[in-house]
Amino acid sequence: MNKHANIKYYSPILKGEADSITAQERAIFDLNFSISERIYQILQEKKMTKRELARLTGKKDAEVSRWFMMGHNFTTKTIAIIQQALGVPLIQVTKD
């Protein structure tokens, strides 16, 4: 079962939007949401703030805040920058 299937929608408009997305769009959302959750978890473990992460990545506070908003689309460049700043992998690609 999809771990985000039970998300509560506070607006009927958003609920309608969620019901109409494709499986591909859902997969993209789930991956981006999981990355945001992982960053947040690492920040909690390291007792770091978003402001500190912004400083370490050379990004503005507002941009880092957007990383935690629904619908943010992470690029591989941004993921690499965050991983380097935190010293922890966010995602892992397997090689055969």
Foldseek 3Di string as FASTA:
>chain_A
DDPCPPPDDPDPVVVVVVVPDDPVVVVQQSVLQLLLVLLVVLCVVVVHDLCLLCVLLVHDSVVSVVSNDRPDGDDVVNQVSSCVSSVHHSDDDDDD
